[in-house]
């Protein structure tokens, strides 16, 4: 089981603070997004998480990874819904280094 500790919550400024994974609150109406810049540790933390793994996010729940996908950097919730065929219970998100894409991981 992987455990991801959320360092804070808020919008882009919280993500930009580079303190660790952030509960990205602007997308709360759609799903729980846990977001971290690739260069702040997000790529190292999220990129190796595979489909079928169990992920615990203390204070939020325990989930199973059901899918991995990519959306354009700066993509919208519509991009995420299109990749997953709707919204999973939670999503891990980080940029893919050296690209204009973001890795999104569906947790259910």
N, C-alpha and C. Protein backbone atom coordinates (compact mmCIF):
# COMPACT_ATOMS: atom_id res chain seq x y z
N UNK A 1 0.84 -1.19 0.00
CA UNK A 1 0.00 0.00 0.00
C UNK A 1 0.88 1.24 0.00
N UNK A 2 0.50 2.19 -0.80
CA UNK A 2 1.19 3.49 -0.83
C UNK A 2 0.42 4.45 0.06
N UNK A 3 1.14 5.27 0.79
CA UNK A 3 0.51 6.30 1.61
C UNK A 3 0.98 7.65 1.11
N UNK A 4 0.02 8.52 0.85
CA UNK A 4 0.32 9.88 0.40
C UNK A 4 -0.22 10.84 1.44
N UNK A 5 0.66 11.58 2.06
CA UNK A 5 0.27 12.55 3.07
C UNK A 5 0.06 13.91 2.41
N UNK A 6 -1.12 14.47 2.60
CA UNK A 6 -1.46 15.76 2.02
C UNK A 6 -0.87 16.86 2.90
N UNK A 7 -0.11 17.76 2.28
CA UNK A 7 0.60 18.81 3.03
C UNK A 7 -0.23 20.05 3.26
N UNK A 8 -1.29 20.22 2.48
CA UNK A 8 -2.13 21.41 2.62
C UNK A 8 -3.25 21.37 1.61
N UNK A 9 -4.03 22.45 1.58
CA UNK A 9 -5.12 22.53 0.61
C UNK A 9 -5.23 23.96 0.12
N UNK A 10 -5.79 24.10 -1.07
CA UNK A 10 -5.97 25.42 -1.66
C UNK A 10 -5.89 25.35 -3.17
N UNK A 11 -5.58 26.49 -3.77
CA UNK A 11 -5.51 26.59 -5.22
C UNK A 11 -4.09 26.55 -5.73
N UNK A 12 -3.87 27.22 -6.86
CA UNK A 12 -2.57 27.17 -7.52
C UNK A 12 -1.44 27.69 -6.64
N UNK A 13 -1.71 28.72 -5.83
CA UNK A 13 -0.67 29.26 -4.95
C UNK A 13 -0.18 28.20 -3.96
N UNK A 14 -1.11 27.36 -3.47
CA UNK A 14 -0.73 26.29 -2.55
C UNK A 14 0.16 25.27 -3.26
N UNK A 15 -0.21 24.92 -4.49
CA UNK A 15 0.61 23.99 -5.28
C UNK A 15 1.99 24.60 -5.52
N UNK A 16 2.02 25.87 -5.89
CA UNK A 16 3.27 26.56 -6.20
C UNK A 16 4.18 26.72 -4.98
N UNK A 17 3.62 26.59 -3.77
CA UNK A 17 4.43 26.72 -2.55
C UNK A 17 5.41 25.56 -2.39
N UNK A 18 5.18 24.47 -3.13
CA UNK A 18 6.13 23.35 -3.18
C UNK A 18 6.34 22.70 -1.80
N UNK A 19 5.25 22.56 -1.03
CA UNK A 19 5.37 21.97 0.31
C UNK A 19 5.01 20.49 0.32
N UNK A 20 4.57 19.95 -0.82
CA UNK A 20 4.15 18.56 -0.90
C UNK A 20 2.81 18.46 -1.60
N UNK A 21 2.19 17.28 -1.58
CA UNK A 21 0.90 17.11 -2.25
C UNK A 21 -0.16 18.04 -1.65
N UNK A 22 -0.96 18.63 -2.54
CA UNK A 22 -1.98 19.59 -2.15
C UNK A 22 -3.36 19.09 -2.55
N UNK A 23 -4.31 19.19 -1.63
CA UNK A 23 -5.72 18.99 -1.97
C UNK A 23 -6.13 20.24 -2.74
N UNK A 24 -6.30 20.10 -4.06
CA UNK A 24 -6.58 21.23 -4.95
C UNK A 24 -8.07 21.53 -4.89
N UNK A 25 -8.44 22.51 -4.07
CA UNK A 25 -9.85 22.77 -3.77
C UNK A 25 -10.68 23.36 -4.91
N UNK A 26 -10.11 24.06 -5.91
CA UNK A 26 -10.97 24.59 -6.98
C UNK A 26 -11.75 23.52 -7.75
N UNK A 27 -11.31 22.26 -7.69
CA UNK A 27 -12.00 21.20 -8.43
C UNK A 27 -12.84 20.30 -7.53
N UNK A 28 -13.11 20.73 -6.30
CA UNK A 28 -13.86 19.90 -5.36
C UNK A 28 -15.24 19.49 -5.86
N UNK A 29 -15.86 20.29 -6.72
CA UNK A 29 -17.19 19.96 -7.22
C UNK A 29 -17.16 18.71 -8.11
N UNK A 30 -15.99 18.35 -8.61
CA UNK A 30 -15.87 17.23 -9.54
C UNK A 30 -15.31 15.97 -8.89
N UNK A 31 -14.25 16.13 -8.15
CA UNK A 31 -13.56 15.00 -7.53
C UNK A 31 -12.52 15.56 -6.56
N UNK A 32 -11.95 14.68 -5.75
CA UNK A 32 -10.82 15.06 -4.90
C UNK A 32 -9.56 15.00 -5.75
N UNK A 33 -8.95 16.15 -6.00
CA UNK A 33 -7.69 16.20 -6.74
C UNK A 33 -6.54 16.42 -5.75
N UNK A 34 -5.54 15.54 -5.81
CA UNK A 34 -4.32 15.70 -5.03
C UNK A 34 -3.22 16.00 -6.05
N UNK A 35 -2.66 17.20 -5.95
CA UNK A 35 -1.80 17.75 -7.00
C UNK A 35 -0.45 18.15 -6.43
N UNK A 36 0.61 17.89 -7.20
CA UNK A 36 1.94 18.34 -6.82
C UNK A 36 2.77 18.54 -8.08
N UNK A 37 3.49 19.66 -8.15
CA UNK A 37 4.38 19.89 -9.29
C UNK A 37 5.39 18.76 -9.41
N UNK A 38 5.73 18.41 -10.65
CA UNK A 38 6.74 17.36 -10.87
C UNK A 38 8.06 17.71 -10.20
N UNK A 39 8.46 18.97 -10.30
CA UNK A 39 9.77 19.41 -9.78
C UNK A 39 9.76 19.63 -8.27
N UNK A 40 8.60 19.51 -7.64
CA UNK A 40 8.50 19.61 -6.18
C UNK A 40 8.41 18.22 -5.54
N UNK A 41 8.47 17.18 -6.34
CA UNK A 41 8.39 15.82 -5.82
C UNK A 41 7.23 15.01 -6.36
N UNK A 42 6.32 15.66 -7.09
CA UNK A 42 5.14 14.97 -7.59
C UNK A 42 5.46 13.82 -8.53
N UNK A 43 6.43 14.04 -9.44
CA UNK A 43 6.77 12.97 -10.38
C UNK A 43 7.37 11.78 -9.63
N UNK A 44 8.29 12.04 -8.73
CA UNK A 44 8.91 10.96 -7.96
C UNK A 44 7.86 10.23 -7.11
N UNK A 45 6.91 10.97 -6.58
CA UNK A 45 5.91 10.41 -5.67
C UNK A 45 4.83 9.63 -6.43
N UNK A 46 4.37 10.14 -7.57
CA UNK A 46 3.19 9.58 -8.25
C UNK A 46 3.50 8.68 -9.44
N UNK A 47 4.62 8.90 -10.14
CA UNK A 47 4.82 8.24 -11.44
C UNK A 47 4.90 6.72 -11.36
N UNK A 48 5.35 6.18 -10.25
CA UNK A 48 5.48 4.73 -10.14
C UNK A 48 4.24 4.02 -9.64
N UNK A 49 3.17 4.74 -9.40
CA UNK A 49 1.94 4.14 -8.87
C UNK A 49 1.17 3.50 -10.03
N UNK A 50 0.92 2.20 -9.91
CA UNK A 50 0.30 1.46 -11.00
C UNK A 50 -1.13 1.05 -10.73
N UNK A 51 -1.81 0.69 -11.82
CA UNK A 51 -3.19 0.20 -11.74
C UNK A 51 -3.23 -1.03 -10.85
N UNK A 52 -4.22 -1.08 -9.97
CA UNK A 52 -4.39 -2.19 -9.05
C UNK A 52 -3.79 -1.95 -7.67
N UNK A 53 -2.92 -0.95 -7.55
CA UNK A 53 -2.32 -0.64 -6.25
C UNK A 53 -3.34 0.01 -5.32
N UNK A 54 -3.11 -0.17 -4.03
CA UNK A 54 -3.91 0.50 -3.01
C UNK A 54 -3.18 1.75 -2.57
N UNK A 55 -3.91 2.85 -2.50
CA UNK A 55 -3.35 4.14 -2.09
C UNK A 55 -4.15 4.66 -0.90
N UNK A 56 -3.45 4.93 0.19
CA UNK A 56 -4.07 5.53 1.37
C UNK A 56 -3.72 7.01 1.40
N UNK A 57 -4.74 7.84 1.58
CA UNK A 57 -4.53 9.28 1.75
C UNK A 57 -5.14 9.63 3.11
N UNK A 58 -4.31 9.64 4.17
CA UNK A 58 -4.84 9.87 5.51
C UNK A 58 -5.70 11.14 5.57
N UNK A 59 -6.87 10.98 6.18
CA UNK A 59 -7.82 12.08 6.28
C UNK A 59 -8.81 12.12 5.13
N UNK A 60 -8.54 11.35 4.07
CA UNK A 60 -9.41 11.35 2.89
C UNK A 60 -9.95 9.97 2.55
N UNK A 61 -9.16 8.93 2.74
CA UNK A 61 -9.65 7.59 2.45
C UNK A 61 -8.58 6.68 1.88
N UNK A 62 -9.00 5.45 1.60
CA UNK A 62 -8.15 4.44 0.98
C UNK A 62 -8.80 4.06 -0.34
N UNK A 63 -7.99 3.99 -1.38
CA UNK A 63 -8.49 3.82 -2.73
C UNK A 63 -7.71 2.75 -3.47
N UNK A 64 -8.28 2.29 -4.59
CA UNK A 64 -7.58 1.41 -5.52
C UNK A 64 -7.36 2.18 -6.81
N UNK A 65 -6.16 2.08 -7.36
CA UNK A 65 -5.87 2.74 -8.64
C UNK A 65 -6.60 1.97 -9.74
N UNK A 66 -7.45 2.66 -10.49
CA UNK A 66 -8.23 2.02 -11.54
C UNK A 66 -7.78 2.40 -12.95
N UNK A 67 -7.02 3.48 -13.08
CA UNK A 67 -6.56 3.89 -14.42
C UNK A 67 -5.46 4.93 -14.28
N UNK A 68 -4.67 5.04 -15.35
CA UNK A 68 -3.67 6.10 -15.49
C UNK A 68 -3.90 6.74 -16.85
N UNK A 69 -3.67 8.03 -16.95
CA UNK A 69 -3.85 8.70 -18.23
C UNK A 69 -3.04 9.97 -18.30
N UNK A 70 -3.17 10.65 -19.44
CA UNK A 70 -2.49 11.92 -19.64
C UNK A 70 -3.48 12.94 -20.16
N UNK A 71 -3.31 14.16 -19.71
CA UNK A 71 -4.08 15.29 -20.22
C UNK A 71 -3.10 16.42 -20.52
N UNK A 72 -3.48 17.38 -21.38
CA UNK A 72 -2.58 18.49 -21.66
C UNK A 72 -2.28 19.29 -20.40
N UNK A 73 -1.06 19.79 -20.29
CA UNK A 73 -0.71 20.67 -19.17
C UNK A 73 -1.65 21.86 -19.22
N UNK A 74 -2.23 22.21 -18.08
CA UNK A 74 -3.21 23.28 -18.04
C UNK A 74 -4.58 22.81 -18.49
N UNK A 75 -4.73 21.50 -18.66
CA UNK A 75 -6.01 20.94 -19.09
C UNK A 75 -7.11 21.19 -18.07
N UNK A 76 -8.32 20.98 -18.50
CA UNK A 76 -9.49 21.25 -17.67
C UNK A 76 -10.06 19.96 -17.09
N UNK A 77 -11.05 20.11 -16.24
CA UNK A 77 -11.75 18.93 -15.71
C UNK A 77 -12.40 18.16 -16.85
N UNK A 78 -12.79 18.83 -17.94
CA UNK A 78 -13.35 18.12 -19.09
C UNK A 78 -12.33 17.16 -19.69
N UNK A 79 -11.06 17.56 -19.75
CA UNK A 79 -10.01 16.67 -20.26
C UNK A 79 -9.89 15.43 -19.38
N UNK A 80 -9.95 15.64 -18.07
CA UNK A 80 -9.82 14.52 -17.13
C UNK A 80 -11.01 13.58 -17.27
N UNK A 81 -12.22 14.12 -17.34
CA UNK A 81 -13.42 13.29 -17.49
C UNK A 81 -13.37 12.49 -18.79
N UNK A 82 -12.82 13.09 -19.85
CA UNK A 82 -12.73 12.40 -21.13
C UNK A 82 -11.77 11.21 -21.05
N UNK A 83 -10.68 11.36 -20.33
CA UNK A 83 -9.70 10.28 -20.20
C UNK A 83 -10.28 9.11 -19.41
N UNK A 84 -11.00 9.40 -18.35
CA UNK A 84 -11.49 8.36 -17.45
C UNK A 84 -12.95 7.96 -17.69
N UNK A 85 -13.64 8.61 -18.62
CA UNK A 85 -15.05 8.30 -18.85
C UNK A 85 -15.92 8.77 -17.70
N UNK A 86 -15.57 9.89 -17.12
CA UNK A 86 -16.25 10.42 -15.93
C UNK A 86 -15.22 10.70 -14.87
N UNK A 87 -15.69 10.99 -13.68
CA UNK A 87 -14.76 11.32 -12.60
C UNK A 87 -14.64 10.19 -11.59
N UNK A 88 -13.42 9.76 -11.31
CA UNK A 88 -13.21 8.81 -10.22
C UNK A 88 -13.40 9.51 -8.87
N UNK A 89 -13.34 8.75 -7.78
CA UNK A 89 -13.50 9.33 -6.44
C UNK A 89 -12.39 10.31 -6.12
N UNK A 90 -11.18 10.01 -6.60
CA UNK A 90 -10.04 10.89 -6.35
C UNK A 90 -9.07 10.78 -7.52
N UNK A 91 -8.22 11.80 -7.66
CA UNK A 91 -7.26 11.86 -8.77
C UNK A 91 -5.93 12.37 -8.24
N UNK A 92 -4.86 11.67 -8.58
CA UNK A 92 -3.51 12.17 -8.33
C UNK A 92 -3.05 12.84 -9.62
N UNK A 93 -2.43 14.00 -9.51
CA UNK A 93 -2.04 14.76 -10.71
C UNK A 93 -0.67 15.39 -10.54
N UNK A 94 0.17 15.25 -11.56
CA UNK A 94 1.47 15.92 -11.61
C UNK A 94 1.87 16.07 -13.07
N UNK A 95 2.74 17.02 -13.35
CA UNK A 95 3.23 17.17 -14.72
C UNK A 95 4.25 16.08 -15.03
N UNK A 96 4.37 15.77 -16.32
CA UNK A 96 5.34 14.80 -16.80
C UNK A 96 6.57 15.59 -17.25
N UNK A 97 7.70 15.40 -16.59
CA UNK A 97 8.89 16.22 -16.89
C UNK A 97 9.26 16.20 -18.37
N UNK A 98 9.59 17.37 -18.89
CA UNK A 98 10.05 17.49 -20.26
C UNK A 98 8.96 17.40 -21.31
N UNK A 99 7.70 17.45 -20.89
CA UNK A 99 6.58 17.38 -21.83
C UNK A 99 5.60 18.51 -21.53
N UNK A 100 4.55 18.58 -22.33
CA UNK A 100 3.45 19.51 -22.05
C UNK A 100 2.22 18.73 -21.60
N UNK A 101 2.46 17.61 -20.93
CA UNK A 101 1.39 16.72 -20.48
C UNK A 101 1.40 16.58 -18.96
N UNK A 102 0.23 16.24 -18.43
CA UNK A 102 0.10 15.92 -17.00
C UNK A 102 -0.30 14.46 -16.87
N UNK A 103 0.28 13.79 -15.89
CA UNK A 103 -0.11 12.44 -15.51
C UNK A 103 -1.30 12.57 -14.57
N UNK A 104 -2.36 11.80 -14.84
CA UNK A 104 -3.50 11.74 -13.93
C UNK A 104 -3.74 10.27 -13.60
N UNK A 105 -3.98 10.01 -12.33
CA UNK A 105 -4.17 8.65 -11.84
C UNK A 105 -5.52 8.60 -11.14
N UNK A 106 -6.38 7.69 -11.62
CA UNK A 106 -7.74 7.56 -11.07
C UNK A 106 -7.73 6.64 -9.86
N UNK A 107 -8.35 7.11 -8.79
CA UNK A 107 -8.49 6.34 -7.55
C UNK A 107 -9.97 6.13 -7.28
N UNK A 108 -10.35 4.88 -7.05
CA UNK A 108 -11.75 4.57 -6.73
C UNK A 108 -11.82 3.66 -5.51
